[in-house]
Structure formats: C-alpha cells, structure tokens
Amino acid sequence: MRVTAIQSFKNGVIKTYGDGELLGDKVPNAEPFRSAELPNPCIKMDSGKYVWGFQCWWGPVYKVKEKHAPHTRETIIVEPEENILPVDEIEQ
C-alpha cells in the first residue's frame, strides 16, 4: 500500500518524509525492538530510506491528502534523522 509518512504538522506547515510503500510489520534494528523482537510498521520511502511507525504518523496517500490539504499552507519534505534498517535485511 502506498502511504505518506508525516513527521509533524503545525500552524499549517506539514513536514513529511514523503511517500513510500508500507511493507508491513518488521523488526527494526533499534532497541528495544531488536532485542525484544518487537515488530513495528515499516515504510520504505521512495528515497530508499526506511521510516517506522514509531517515528511518524502515516496513512494511505489519498487519505492523508484529503484530511490535511484544506489546512496546509506549506509542505516541507524532510529526510529521516537516521535510516534504521529492518533486522531481516541486516542479517542477510
């Protein structure tokens, strides 16, 4: 499913990581997720980087646009602070 990942939305300014593909629940290579084997929604962004459910608000592209467009005066695309890979991609 195509989704939009939002970092923040304040005073009409939406900061987004952009659009990407929701890969489903995966285990991030970050604590406490890795050691506890806790899955989290994983989104592979069009930029090739990964963003996780614990890092953003996300939803289907059309629903995010529909909900936020009337209240948005500026959209800023930002890069994730860190690119946390899924554990299954690290161990290959």
Protein backbone atom coordinates (compact mmCIF):
# COMPACT_ATOMS: atom_id res chain seq x y z
CA MET A 1 0.00 0.00 0.00
CA ARG A 2 1.24 3.50 -0.85
CA VAL A 3 1.42 5.73 2.22
CA THR A 4 2.57 9.19 3.26
CA ALA A 5 4.72 9.50 6.39
CA ILE A 6 4.33 12.71 8.38
CA GLN A 7 6.99 13.98 10.78
CA SER A 8 4.94 16.92 12.08
CA PHE A 9 2.05 19.24 11.29
CA LYS A 10 1.88 22.62 12.99
CA ASN A 11 0.43 26.02 12.07
CA GLY A 12 -0.39 24.93 8.54
CA VAL A 13 3.12 23.56 7.86
CA ILE A 14 3.35 19.85 7.23
CA LYS A 15 6.77 18.22 7.40
CA THR A 16 6.72 14.89 5.65
CA TYR A 17 9.21 12.15 4.83
CA GLY A 18 7.32 11.80 1.55
CA ASP A 19 5.54 8.80 0.11
CA GLY A 20 6.55 5.18 0.19
CA GLU A 21 5.45 1.57 0.32
CA LEU A 22 4.13 0.09 3.55
CA LEU A 23 5.99 -3.22 3.93
CA GLY A 24 4.02 -4.35 6.96
CA ASP A 25 5.31 -5.21 10.41
CA LYS A 26 9.04 -5.84 10.64
CA VAL A 27 11.57 -5.70 13.46
CA PRO A 28 13.68 -2.50 13.38
CA ASN A 29 17.41 -2.71 14.05
CA ALA A 30 16.94 -0.43 17.07
CA GLU A 31 16.40 -1.02 20.76
CA PRO A 32 14.18 -2.09 22.41
CA PHE A 33 12.62 -3.54 19.24
CA ARG A 34 15.56 -5.74 18.19
CA SER A 35 16.30 -7.47 21.50
CA ALA A 36 12.61 -7.98 22.27
CA GLU A 37 11.83 -8.92 18.64
CA LEU A 38 9.02 -6.33 18.61
CA PRO A 39 7.64 -5.67 15.13
CA ASN A 40 6.63 -2.20 14.02
CA PRO A 41 5.05 -0.86 10.79
CA CYS A 42 7.87 -0.43 8.25
CA ILE A 43 7.68 2.03 5.35
CA LYS A 44 10.27 2.03 2.57
CA MET A 45 10.27 5.59 1.30
CA ASP A 46 10.65 6.48 -2.38
CA SER A 47 14.06 7.88 -1.36
CA GLY A 48 15.13 4.32 -0.43
CA LYS A 49 15.27 5.08 3.28
CA TYR A 50 13.13 3.42 5.93
CA VAL A 51 10.71 5.12 8.29
CA TRP A 52 8.93 3.28 11.10
CA GLY A 53 5.57 3.63 12.77
CA PHE A 54 7.24 4.80 15.98
CA GLN A 55 8.86 7.69 14.07
CA CYS A 56 5.85 9.20 12.31
CA TRP A 57 2.15 9.41 11.64
CA TRP A 58 1.28 7.64 8.43
CA GLY A 59 -1.68 6.69 6.29
CA PRO A 60 -2.76 5.96 2.72
CA VAL A 61 -1.60 8.76 0.39
CA TYR A 62 -5.11 9.74 -0.70
CA LYS A 63 -6.46 9.85 2.87
CA VAL A 64 -3.57 11.97 4.17
CA LYS A 65 -4.03 14.46 1.32
CA GLU A 66 -7.80 14.51 1.77
CA LYS A 67 -7.53 15.12 5.51
CA HIS A 68 -4.69 17.67 5.60
CA ALA A 69 -4.89 19.57 2.27
CA PRO A 70 -7.55 22.05 3.44
CA HIS A 71 -5.39 23.03 6.43
CA THR A 72 -1.95 23.02 4.76
CA ARG A 73 -0.29 26.22 3.58
CA GLU A 74 3.21 24.73 3.14
CA THR A 75 4.64 21.23 2.68
CA ILE A 76 8.27 20.52 3.51
CA ILE A 77 9.96 17.22 2.61
CA VAL A 78 12.49 16.17 5.25
CA GLU A 79 14.94 13.28 5.49
CA PRO A 80 14.70 10.85 8.41
CA GLU A 81 17.31 11.59 11.09
CA GLU A 82 18.55 8.01 10.85
CA ASN A 83 17.96 5.20 8.40
CA ILE A 84 17.08 2.23 10.62
CA LEU A 85 17.08 -0.94 8.56
CA PRO A 86 14.84 -3.94 9.23
CA VAL A 87 16.65 -6.72 11.11
CA ASP A 88 15.91 -9.21 8.31
CA GLU A 89 17.82 -7.01 5.84
CA ILE A 90 20.85 -6.70 8.14
CA GLU A 91 21.24 -10.43 8.68
CA GLN A 92 21.11 -11.47 5.01
